[in-house]
Amino acid sequence: MKSLWKYITGFFAFVIGILVLSGKKNKKVKEIKGKIKDVKSKVKKVDSKIKSAEKQSDAIKKSLKSKKKALKEIEKAKFKKKDVSKKDAANFLKNYKRGKK
């Protein structure tokens, strides 16, 4: 009979020990899960900021590309060769001489 009581009390101590330890573990698990949720929300915010920055950088790249293209067109227009006849050149030189006097 005494050995039966030892087994019964041992069993109840084992069950109570498991319940107590699992309760403490559950608190820690809940804390960790809460921290994970906080980190995930922060990661989402950072990801959204990165995406908006990428969109802005893409827009800047496009505008720079168009401005470079416009600049090339302006340079081509400035230094475009003109067909000048001999008569036009002679007239220019005559007018230039008269202006210097």
PDB file of N, CA and C in Angstrom:
ATOM      1  N   MET A   1       0.804  -1.190   0.000  1.00  0.00           N
ATOM      2  CA  MET A   1       0.000   0.000   0.000  1.00  0.00           C
ATOM      3  C   MET A   1       0.854   1.265   0.000  1.00  0.00           C
ATOM      4  N   LYS A   2       1.960   1.221   0.767  1.00  0.00           N
ATOM      5  CA  LYS A   2       2.830   2.395   0.812  1.00  0.00           C
ATOM      6  C   LYS A   2       3.464   2.648  -0.554  1.00  0.00           C
ATOM      7  N   SER A   3       3.830   1.617  -1.241  1.00  0.00           N
ATOM      8  CA  SER A   3       4.442   1.802  -2.556  1.00  0.00           C
ATOM      9  C   SER A   3       3.430   2.359  -3.554  1.00  0.00           C
ATOM     10  N   LEU A   4       2.165   1.985  -3.406  1.00  0.00           N
ATOM     11  CA  LEU A   4       1.112   2.522  -4.278  1.00  0.00           C
ATOM     12  C   LEU A   4       0.964   4.017  -4.055  1.00  0.00           C
ATOM     13  N   TRP A   5       0.980   4.465  -2.809  1.00  0.00           N
ATOM     14  CA  TRP A   5       0.885   5.890  -2.516  1.00  0.00           C
ATOM     15  C   TRP A   5       2.101   6.623  -3.071  1.00  0.00           C
ATOM     16  N   LYS A   6       3.243   6.036  -3.030  1.00  0.00           N
ATOM     17  CA  LYS A   6       4.446   6.660  -3.583  1.00  0.00           C
ATOM     18  C   LYS A   6       4.294   6.872  -5.090  1.00  0.00           C
ATOM     19  N   TYR A   7       3.761   5.870  -5.763  1.00  0.00           N
ATOM     20  CA  TYR A   7       3.555   5.991  -7.218  1.00  0.00           C
ATOM     21  C   TYR A   7       2.498   7.049  -7.544  1.00  0.00           C
ATOM     22  N   ILE A   8       1.448   7.081  -6.757  1.00  0.00           N
ATOM     23  CA  ILE A   8       0.373   8.054  -7.005  1.00  0.00           C
ATOM     24  C   ILE A   8       0.878   9.476  -6.760  1.00  0.00           C
ATOM     25  N   THR A   9       1.561   9.701  -5.650  1.00  0.00           N
ATOM     26  CA  THR A   9       2.088  11.050  -5.383  1.00  0.00           C
ATOM     27  C   THR A   9       3.168  11.422  -6.390  1.00  0.00           C
ATOM     28  N   GLY A  10       3.958  10.462  -6.779  1.00  0.00           N
ATOM     29  CA  GLY A  10       4.972  10.720  -7.802  1.00  0.00           C
ATOM     30  C   GLY A  10       4.339  11.108  -9.126  1.00  0.00           C
ATOM     31  N   PHE A  11       3.266  10.421  -9.490  1.00  0.00           N
ATOM     32  CA  PHE A  11       2.559  10.728 -10.740  1.00  0.00           C
ATOM     33  C   PHE A  11       1.966  12.123 -10.701  1.00  0.00           C
ATOM     34  N   PHE A  12       1.296  12.475  -9.591  1.00  0.00           N
ATOM     35  CA  PHE A  12       0.698  13.812  -9.463  1.00  0.00           C
ATOM     36  C   PHE A  12       1.778  14.898  -9.458  1.00  0.00           C
ATOM     37  N   ALA A  13       2.909  14.642  -8.814  1.00  0.00           N
ATOM     38  CA  ALA A  13       4.009  15.604  -8.812  1.00  0.00           C
ATOM     39  C   ALA A  13       4.538  15.796 -10.229  1.00  0.00           C
ATOM     40  N   PHE A  14       4.622  14.716 -10.968  1.00  0.00           N
ATOM     41  CA  PHE A  14       5.080  14.780 -12.352  1.00  0.00           C
ATOM     42  C   PHE A  14       4.130  15.611 -13.210  1.00  0.00           C
ATOM     43  N   VAL A  15       2.827  15.358 -13.069  1.00  0.00           N
ATOM     44  CA  VAL A  15       1.823  16.091 -13.848  1.00  0.00           C
ATOM     45  C   VAL A  15       1.822  17.568 -13.471  1.00  0.00           C
ATOM     46  N   ILE A  16       1.888  17.867 -12.185  1.00  0.00           N
ATOM     47  CA  ILE A  16       1.899  19.265 -11.748  1.00  0.00           C
ATOM     48  C   ILE A  16       3.188  19.953 -12.224  1.00  0.00           C
ATOM     49  N   GLY A  17       4.293  19.267 -12.169  1.00  0.00           N
ATOM     50  CA  GLY A  17       5.556  19.825 -12.652  1.00  0.00           C
ATOM     51  C   GLY A  17       5.493  20.161 -14.127  1.00  0.00           C
ATOM     52  N   ILE A  18       4.922  19.281 -14.900  1.00  0.00           N
ATOM     53  CA  ILE A  18       4.778  19.529 -16.340  1.00  0.00           C
ATOM     54  C   ILE A  18       3.890  20.740 -16.587  1.00  0.00           C
ATOM     55  N   LEU A  19       2.784  20.827 -15.869  1.00  0.00           N
ATOM     56  CA  LEU A  19       1.869  21.962 -16.058  1.00  0.00           C
ATOM     57  C   LEU A  19       2.528  23.280 -15.665  1.00  0.00           C
ATOM     58  N   VAL A  20       3.260  23.306 -14.588  1.00  0.00           N
ATOM     59  CA  VAL A  20       3.923  24.530 -14.143  1.00  0.00           C
ATOM     60  C   VAL A  20       4.997  24.949 -15.138  1.00  0.00           C
ATOM     61  N   LEU A  21       5.813  24.004 -15.560  1.00  0.00           N
ATOM     62  CA  LEU A  21       6.882  24.325 -16.507  1.00  0.00           C
ATOM     63  C   LEU A  21       6.324  24.751 -17.857  1.00  0.00           C
ATOM     64  N   SER A  22       5.264  24.094 -18.290  1.00  0.00           N
ATOM     65  CA  SER A  22       4.685  24.465 -19.583  1.00  0.00           C
ATOM     66  C   SER A  22       4.058  25.848 -19.511  1.00  0.00           C
ATOM     67  N   GLY A  23       3.533  26.230 -18.348  1.00  0.00           N
ATOM     68  CA  GLY A  23       2.967  27.569 -18.187  1.00  0.00           C
ATOM     69  C   GLY A  23       4.024  28.642 -18.331  1.00  0.00           C
ATOM     70  N   LYS A  24       5.192  28.421 -17.758  1.00  0.00           N
ATOM     71  CA  LYS A  24       6.282  29.389 -17.876  1.00  0.00           C
ATOM     72  C   LYS A  24       6.788  29.449 -19.311  1.00  0.00           C
ATOM     73  N   LYS A  25       6.859  28.307 -19.947  1.00  0.00           N
ATOM     74  CA  LYS A  25       7.313  28.274 -21.339  1.00  0.00           C
ATOM     75  C   LYS A  25       6.324  28.991 -22.234  1.00  0.00           C
ATOM     76  N   ASN A  26       5.035  28.840 -21.958  1.00  0.00           N
ATOM     77  CA  ASN A  26       4.029  29.507 -22.775  1.00  0.00           C
ATOM     78  C   ASN A  26       4.157  31.021 -22.666  1.00  0.00           C
ATOM     79  N   LYS A  27       4.478  31.521 -21.485  1.00  0.00           N
ATOM     80  CA  LYS A  27       4.663  32.963 -21.335  1.00  0.00           C
ATOM     81  C   LYS A  27       5.837  33.431 -22.183  1.00  0.00           C
ATOM     82  N   LYS A  28       6.920  32.696 -22.133  1.00  0.00           N
ATOM     83  CA  LYS A  28       8.094  33.064 -22.920  1.00  0.00           C
ATOM     84  C   LYS A  28       7.802  32.983 -24.414  1.00  0.00           C
ATOM     85  N   VAL A  29       7.072  31.953 -24.796  1.00  0.00           N
ATOM     86  CA  VAL A  29       6.718  31.787 -26.207  1.00  0.00           C
ATOM     87  C   VAL A  29       5.843  32.940 -26.663  1.00  0.00           C
ATOM     88  N   LYS A  30       4.899  33.343 -25.824  1.00  0.00           N
ATOM     89  CA  LYS A  30       4.020  34.463 -26.177  1.00  0.00           C
ATOM     90  C   LYS A  30       4.820  35.759 -26.318  1.00  0.00           C
ATOM     91  N   GLU A  31       5.780  35.965 -25.412  1.00  0.00           N
ATOM     92  CA  GLU A  31       6.616  37.160 -25.496  1.00  0.00           C
ATOM     93  C   GLU A  31       7.418  37.168 -26.795  1.00  0.00           C
ATOM     94  N   ILE A  32       7.991  36.026 -27.114  1.00  0.00           N
ATOM     95  CA  ILE A  32       8.797  35.925 -28.335  1.00  0.00           C
ATOM     96  C   ILE A  32       7.930  36.136 -29.572  1.00  0.00           C
ATOM     97  N   LYS A  33       6.731  35.569 -29.580  1.00  0.00           N
ATOM     98  CA  LYS A  33       5.825  35.757 -30.724  1.00  0.00           C
ATOM     99  C   LYS A  33       5.443  37.219 -30.870  1.00  0.00           C
ATOM    100  N   GLY A  34       5.214  37.902 -29.757  1.00  0.00           N
ATOM    101  CA  GLY A  34       4.906  39.330 -29.810  1.00  0.00           C
ATOM    102  C   GLY A  34       6.060  40.125 -30.401  1.00  0.00           C
ATOM    103  N   LYS A  35       7.277  39.784 -29.988  1.00  0.00           N
ATOM    104  CA  LYS A  35       8.450  40.482 -30.529  1.00  0.00           C
ATOM    105  C   LYS A  35       8.609  40.214 -32.017  1.00  0.00           C
ATOM    106  N   ILE A  36       8.315  39.000 -32.427  1.00  0.00           N
ATOM    107  CA  ILE A  36       8.405  38.647 -33.847  1.00  0.00           C
ATOM    108  C   ILE A  36       7.402  39.465 -34.655  1.00  0.00           C
ATOM    109  N   LYS A  37       6.188  39.625 -34.137  1.00  0.00           N
ATOM    110  CA  LYS A  37       5.180  40.431 -34.840  1.00  0.00           C
ATOM    111  C   LYS A  37       5.636  41.873 -34.974  1.00  0.00           C
ATOM    112  N   ASP A  38       6.228  42.419 -33.907  1.00  0.00           N
ATOM    113  CA  ASP A  38       6.732  43.788 -33.958  1.00  0.00           C
ATOM    114  C   ASP A  38       7.813  43.936 -35.021  1.00  0.00           C
ATOM    115  N   VAL A  39       8.714  42.971 -35.061  1.00  0.00           N
ATOM    116  CA  VAL A  39       9.808  43.023 -36.036  1.00  0.00           C
ATOM    117  C   VAL A  39       9.263  42.909 -37.455  1.00  0.00           C
ATOM    118  N   LYS A  40       8.271  42.042 -37.640  1.00  0.00           N
ATOM    119  CA  LYS A  40       7.686  41.890 -38.976  1.00  0.00           C
ATOM    120  C   LYS A  40       7.041  43.183 -39.439  1.00  0.00           C
ATOM    121  N   SER A  41       6.347  43.877 -38.530  1.00  0.00           N
ATOM    122  CA  SER A  41       5.720  45.140 -38.926  1.00  0.00           C
ATOM    123  C   SER A  41       6.788  46.176 -39.276  1.00  0.00           C
ATOM    124  N   LYS A  42       7.885  46.190 -38.528  1.00  0.00           N
ATOM    125  CA  LYS A  42       8.972  47.127 -38.837  1.00  0.00           C
ATOM    126  C   LYS A  42       9.601  46.797 -40.182  1.00  0.00           C
ATOM    127  N   VAL A  43       9.742  45.511 -40.468  1.00  0.00           N
ATOM    128  CA  VAL A  43      10.311  45.086 -41.752  1.00  0.00           C
ATOM    129  C   VAL A  43       9.406  45.530 -42.897  1.00  0.00           C
ATOM    130  N   LYS A  44       8.098  45.413 -42.714  1.00  0.00           N
ATOM    131  CA  LYS A  44       7.159  45.845 -43.756  1.00  0.00           C
ATOM    132  C   LYS A  44       7.294  47.341 -44.014  1.00  0.00           C
ATOM    133  N   LYS A  45       7.442  48.126 -42.945  1.00  0.00           N
ATOM    134  CA  LYS A  45       7.594  49.574 -43.112  1.00  0.00           C
ATOM    135  C   LYS A  45       8.863  49.896 -43.885  1.00  0.00           C
ATOM    136  N   VAL A  46       9.947  49.225 -43.536  1.00  0.00           N
ATOM    137  CA  VAL A  46      11.223  49.472 -44.212  1.00  0.00           C
ATOM    138  C   VAL A  46      11.135  49.051 -45.683  1.00  0.00           C
ATOM    139  N   ASP A  47      10.481  47.915 -45.938  1.00  0.00           N
ATOM    140  CA  ASP A  47      10.316  47.461 -47.319  1.00  0.00           C
ATOM    141  C   ASP A  47       9.529  48.471 -48.144  1.00  0.00           C
ATOM    142  N   SER A  48       8.466  49.034 -47.550  1.00  0.00           N
ATOM    143  CA  SER A  48       7.676  50.020 -48.284  1.00  0.00           C
ATOM    144  C   SER A  48       8.508  51.270 -48.567  1.00  0.00           C
ATOM    145  N   LYS A  49       9.344  51.672 -47.610  1.00  0.00           N
ATOM    146  CA  LYS A  49      10.206  52.831 -47.836  1.00  0.00           C
ATOM    147  C   LYS A  49      11.210  52.556 -48.942  1.00  0.00           C
ATOM    148  N   ILE A  50      11.747  51.348 -48.969  1.00  0.00           N
ATOM    149  CA  ILE A  50      12.709  50.968 -50.011  1.00  0.00           C
ATOM    150  C   ILE A  50      12.036  50.998 -51.378  1.00  0.00           C
ATOM    151  N   LYS A  51      10.822  50.470 -51.464  1.00  0.00           N
ATOM    152  CA  LYS A  51      10.117  50.460 -52.749  1.00  0.00           C
ATOM    153  C   LYS A  51       9.837  51.870 -53.226  1.00  0.00           C
ATOM    154  N   SER A  52       9.432  52.767 -52.311  1.00  0.00           N
ATOM    155  CA  SER A  52       9.165  54.146 -52.720  1.00  0.00           C
ATOM    156  C   SER A  52      10.454  54.825 -53.175  1.00  0.00           C
ATOM    157  N   ALA A  53      11.567  54.527 -52.505  1.00  0.00           N
ATOM    158  CA  ALA A  53      12.845  55.105 -52.912  1.00  0.00           C
ATOM    159  C   ALA A  53      13.266  54.588 -54.285  1.00  0.00           C
ATOM    160  N   GLU A  54      13.008  53.310 -54.548  1.00  0.00           N
ATOM    161  CA  GLU A  54      13.332  52.747 -55.862  1.00  0.00           C
ATOM    162  C   GLU A  54      12.489  53.399 -56.950  1.00  0.00           C
ATOM    163  N   LYS A  55      11.211  53.644 -56.659  1.00  0.00           N
ATOM    164  CA  LYS A  55      10.348  54.301 -57.648  1.00  0.00           C
ATOM    165  C   LYS A  55      10.865  55.705 -57.943  1.00  0.00           C
ATOM    166  N   GLN A  56      11.277  56.412 -56.890  1.00  0.00           N
ATOM    167  CA  GLN A  56      11.800  57.761 -57.084  1.00  0.00           C
ATOM    168  C   GLN A  56      13.096  57.730 -57.880  1.00  0.00           C
ATOM    169  N   SER A  57      13.942  56.760 -57.590  1.00  0.00           N
ATOM    170  CA  SER A  57      15.203  56.681 -58.316  1.00  0.00           C
ATOM    171  C   SER A  57      14.958  56.328 -59.783  1.00  0.00           C
ATOM    172  N   ASP A  58      13.953  55.485 -60.044  1.00  0.00           N
ATOM    173  CA  ASP A  58      13.608  55.174 -61.429  1.00  0.00           C
ATOM    174  C   ASP A  58      13.113  56.419 -62.149  1.00  0.00           C
ATOM    175  N   ALA A  59      12.305  57.225 -61.472  1.00  0.00           N
ATOM    176  CA  ALA A  59      11.807  58.457 -62.072  1.00  0.00           C
ATOM    177  C   ALA A  59      12.958  59.415 -62.351  1.00  0.00           C
ATOM    178  N   ILE A  60      13.896  59.497 -61.436  1.00  0.00           N
ATOM    179  CA  ILE A  60      15.055  60.376 -61.626  1.00  0.00           C
ATOM    180  C   ILE A  60      15.889  59.887 -62.801  1.00  0.00           C
ATOM    181  N   LYS A  61      16.082  58.575 -62.900  1.00  0.00           N
ATOM    182  CA  LYS A  61      16.852  58.029 -64.017  1.00  0.00           C
ATOM    183  C   LYS A  61      16.179  58.344 -65.349  1.00  0.00           C
ATOM    184  N   LYS A  62      14.860  58.218 -65.396  1.00  0.00           N
ATOM    185  CA  LYS A  62      14.138  58.507 -66.632  1.00  0.00           C
ATOM    186  C   LYS A  62      14.270  59.975 -67.004  1.00  0.00           C
ATOM    187  N   SER A  63      14.146  60.865 -66.020  1.00  0.00           N
ATOM    188  CA  SER A  63      14.248  62.292 -66.333  1.00  0.00           C
ATOM    189  C   SER A  63      15.666  62.640 -66.775  1.00  0.00           C
ATOM    190  N   LEU A  64      16.671  62.043 -66.135  1.00  0.00           N
ATOM    191  CA  LEU A  64      18.053  62.289 -66.559  1.00  0.00           C
ATOM    192  C   LEU A  64      18.289  61.793 -67.975  1.00  0.00           C
ATOM    193  N   LYS A  65      17.725  60.653 -68.288  1.00  0.00           N
ATOM    194  CA  LYS A  65      17.885  60.094 -69.622  1.00  0.00           C
ATOM    195  C   LYS A  65      17.275  61.025 -70.677  1.00  0.00           C
ATOM    196  N   SER A  66      16.071  61.541 -70.377  1.00  0.00           N
ATOM    197  CA  SER A  66      15.429  62.434 -71.338  1.00  0.00           C
ATOM    198  C   SER A  66      16.195  63.747 -71.459  1.00  0.00           C
ATOM    199  N   LYS A  67      16.755  64.237 -70.352  1.00  0.00           N
ATOM    200  CA  LYS A  67      17.508  65.488 -70.401  1.00  0.00           C
ATOM    201  C   LYS A  67      18.821  65.314 -71.166  1.00  0.00           C
ATOM    202  N   LYS A  68      19.463  64.171 -71.009  1.00  0.00           N
ATOM    203  CA  LYS A  68      20.672  63.895 -71.775  1.00  0.00           C
ATOM    204  C   LYS A  68      20.360  63.836 -73.262  1.00  0.00           C
ATOM    205  N   LYS A  69      19.234  63.232 -73.589  1.00  0.00           N
ATOM    206  CA  LYS A  69      18.823  63.148 -74.989  1.00  0.00           C
ATOM    207  C   LYS A  69      18.575  64.551 -75.554  1.00  0.00           C
ATOM    208  N   ALA A  70      17.892  65.396 -74.777  1.00  0.00           N
ATOM    209  CA  ALA A  70      17.630  66.760 -75.216  1.00  0.00           C
ATOM    210  C   ALA A  70      18.936  67.538 -75.369  1.00  0.00           C
ATOM    211  N   LEU A  71      19.883  67.317 -74.470  1.00  0.00           N
ATOM    212  CA  LEU A  71      21.173  67.990 -74.543  1.00  0.00           C
ATOM    213  C   LEU A  71      21.931  67.589 -75.803  1.00  0.00           C
ATOM    214  N   LYS A  72      21.880  66.323 -76.150  1.00  0.00           N
ATOM    215  CA  LYS A  72      22.532  65.870 -77.387  1.00  0.00           C
ATOM    216  C   LYS A  72      21.903  66.525 -78.599  1.00  0.00           C
ATOM    217  N   GLU A  73      20.582  66.646 -78.586  1.00  0.00           N
ATOM    218  CA  GLU A  73      19.906  67.302 -79.708  1.00  0.00           C
ATOM    219  C   GLU A  73      20.307  68.763 -79.810  1.00  0.00           C
ATOM    220  N   ILE A  74      20.458  69.420 -78.670  1.00  0.00           N
ATOM    221  CA  ILE A  74      20.871  70.828 -78.669  1.00  0.00           C
ATOM    222  C   ILE A  74      22.293  70.950 -79.205  1.00  0.00           C
ATOM    223  N   GLU A  75      23.182  70.065 -78.778  1.00  0.00           N
ATOM    224  CA  GLU A  75      24.552  70.112 -79.267  1.00  0.00           C
ATOM    225  C   GLU A  75      24.619  69.871 -80.765  1.00  0.00           C
ATOM    226  N   LYS A  76      23.812  68.955 -81.256  1.00  0.00           N
ATOM    227  CA  LYS A  76      23.778  68.706 -82.695  1.00  0.00           C
ATOM    228  C   LYS A  76      23.282  69.938 -83.435  1.00  0.00           C
ATOM    229  N   ALA A  77      22.298  70.613 -82.880  1.00  0.00           N
ATOM    230  CA  ALA A  77      21.740  71.800 -83.533  1.00  0.00           C
ATOM    231  C   ALA A  77      22.754  72.951 -83.528  1.00  0.00           C
ATOM    232  N   LYS A  78      23.535  73.084 -82.461  1.00  0.00           N
ATOM    233  CA  LYS A  78      24.500  74.176 -82.371  1.00  0.00           C
ATOM    234  C   LYS A  78      25.612  74.041 -83.391  1.00  0.00           C
ATOM    235  N   PHE A  79      26.139  72.865 -83.503  1.00  0.00           N
ATOM    236  CA  PHE A  79      27.318  72.666 -84.328  1.00  0.00           C
ATOM    237  C   PHE A  79      27.009  72.026 -85.670  1.00  0.00           C
ATOM    238  N   LYS A  80      25.818  72.248 -86.134  1.00  0.00           N
ATOM    239  CA  LYS A  80      25.427  71.703 -87.416  1.00  0.00           C
ATOM    240  C   LYS A  80      26.135  72.495 -88.524  1.00  0.00           C
ATOM    241  N   LYS A  81      26.701  71.802 -89.470  1.00  0.00           N
ATOM    242  CA  LYS A  81      27.413  72.459 -90.563  1.00  0.00           C
ATOM    243  C   LYS A  81      26.403  73.102 -91.504  1.00  0.00           C
ATOM    244  N   LYS A  82      26.754  74.272 -91.924  1.00  0.00           N
ATOM    245  CA  LYS A  82      25.890  74.988 -92.869  1.00  0.00           C
ATOM    246  C   LYS A  82      26.553  74.967 -94.237  1.00  0.00           C
ATOM    247  N   ASP A  83      25.743  74.871 -95.227  1.00  0.00           N
ATOM    248  CA  ASP A  83      26.261  74.952 -96.591  1.00  0.00           C
ATOM    249  C   ASP A  83      26.401  76.434 -96.948  1.00  0.00           C
ATOM    250  N   VAL A  84      27.624  76.849 -97.116  1.00  0.00           N
ATOM    251  CA  VAL A  84      27.896  78.244 -97.410  1.00  0.00           C
ATOM    252  C   VAL A  84      28.501  78.315 -98.814  1.00  0.00           C
ATOM    253  N   SER A  85      27.925  79.171 -99.612  1.00  0.00           N
ATOM    254  CA  SER A  85      28.453  79.308-100.974  1.00  0.00           C
ATOM    255  C   SER A  85      29.620  80.307-100.973  1.00  0.00           C
ATOM    256  N   LYS A  86      30.323  80.332-102.074  1.00  0.00           N
ATOM    257  CA  LYS A  86      31.470  81.231-102.184  1.00  0.00           C
ATOM    258  C   LYS A  86      31.021  82.682-102.121  1.00  0.00           C
ATOM    259  N   LYS A  87      29.891  82.962-102.726  1.00  0.00           N
ATOM    260  CA  LYS A  87      29.384  84.338-102.730  1.00  0.00           C
ATOM    261  C   LYS A  87      29.060  84.799-101.309  1.00  0.00           C
ATOM    262  N   ASP A  88      28.431  83.915-100.521  1.00  0.00           N
ATOM    263  CA  ASP A  88      28.092  84.281 -99.134  1.00  0.00           C
ATOM    264  C   ASP A  88      29.356  84.557 -98.318  1.00  0.00           C
ATOM    265  N   ALA A  89      30.357  83.761 -98.523  1.00  0.00           N
ATOM    266  CA  ALA A  89      31.611  83.947 -97.790  1.00  0.00           C
ATOM    267  C   ALA A  89      32.271  85.259 -98.198  1.00  0.00           C
ATOM    268  N   ALA A  90      32.259  85.553 -99.472  1.00  0.00           N
ATOM    269  CA  ALA A  90      32.866  86.800 -99.956  1.00  0.00           C
ATOM    270  C   ALA A  90      32.110  87.999 -99.399  1.00  0.00           C
ATOM    271  N   ASN A  91      30.794  87.924 -99.389  1.00  0.00           N
ATOM    272  CA  ASN A  91      29.985  89.027 -98.853  1.00  0.00           C
ATOM    273  C   ASN A  91      30.253  89.223 -97.357  1.00  0.00           C
ATOM    274  N   PHE A  92      30.384  88.143 -96.635  1.00  0.00           N
ATOM    275  CA  PHE A  92      30.658  88.231 -95.202  1.00  0.00           C
ATOM    276  C   PHE A  92      32.002  88.913 -94.957  1.00  0.00           C
ATOM    277  N   LEU A  93      33.015  88.529 -95.725  1.00  0.00           N
ATOM    278  CA  LEU A  93      34.338  89.127 -95.537  1.00  0.00           C
ATOM    279  C   LEU A  93      34.335  90.613 -95.900  1.00  0.00           C
ATOM    280  N   LYS A  94      33.590  90.982 -96.933  1.00  0.00           N
ATOM    281  CA  LYS A  94      33.512  92.402 -97.309  1.00  0.00           C
ATOM    282  C   LYS A  94      32.837  93.197 -96.197  1.00  0.00           C
ATOM    283  N   ASN A  95      31.744  92.660 -95.655  1.00  0.00           N
ATOM    284  CA  ASN A  95      31.034  93.354 -94.589  1.00  0.00           C
ATOM    285  C   ASN A  95      31.888  93.420 -93.314  1.00  0.00           C
ATOM    286  N   TYR A  96      32.651  92.419 -93.086  1.00  0.00           N
ATOM    287  CA  TYR A  96      33.504  92.382 -91.906  1.00  0.00           C
ATOM    288  C   TYR A  96      34.598  93.426 -91.983  1.00  0.00           C
ATOM    289  N   LYS A  97      35.159  93.581 -93.198  1.00  0.00           N
ATOM    290  CA  LYS A  97      36.191  94.608 -93.409  1.00  0.00           C
ATOM    291  C   LYS A  97      35.614  96.003 -93.215  1.00  0.00           C
ATOM    292  N   ARG A  98      34.454  96.234 -93.740  1.00  0.00           N
ATOM    293  CA  ARG A  98      33.830  97.563 -93.618  1.00  0.00           C
ATOM    294  C   ARG A  98      33.551  97.894 -92.149  1.00  0.00           C
ATOM    295  N   GLY A  99      33.152  96.895 -91.387  1.00  0.00           N
ATOM    296  CA  GLY A  99      32.843  97.118 -89.976  1.00  0.00           C
ATOM    297  C   GLY A  99      34.067  97.448 -89.161  1.00  0.00           C
ATOM    298  N   LYS A 100      35.227  96.991 -89.534  1.00  0.00           N
ATOM    299  CA  LYS A 100      36.445  97.252 -88.770  1.00  0.00           C
ATOM    300  C   LYS A 100      36.948  98.669 -88.972  1.00  0.00           C
ATOM    301  N   LYS A 101      36.672  99.282 -90.104  1.00  0.00           N
ATOM    302  CA  LYS A 101      37.189 100.620 -90.395  1.00  0.00           C
ATOM    303  C   LYS A 101      36.534 101.680 -89.610  1.00  0.00           C
TER     304      LYS A 101
END
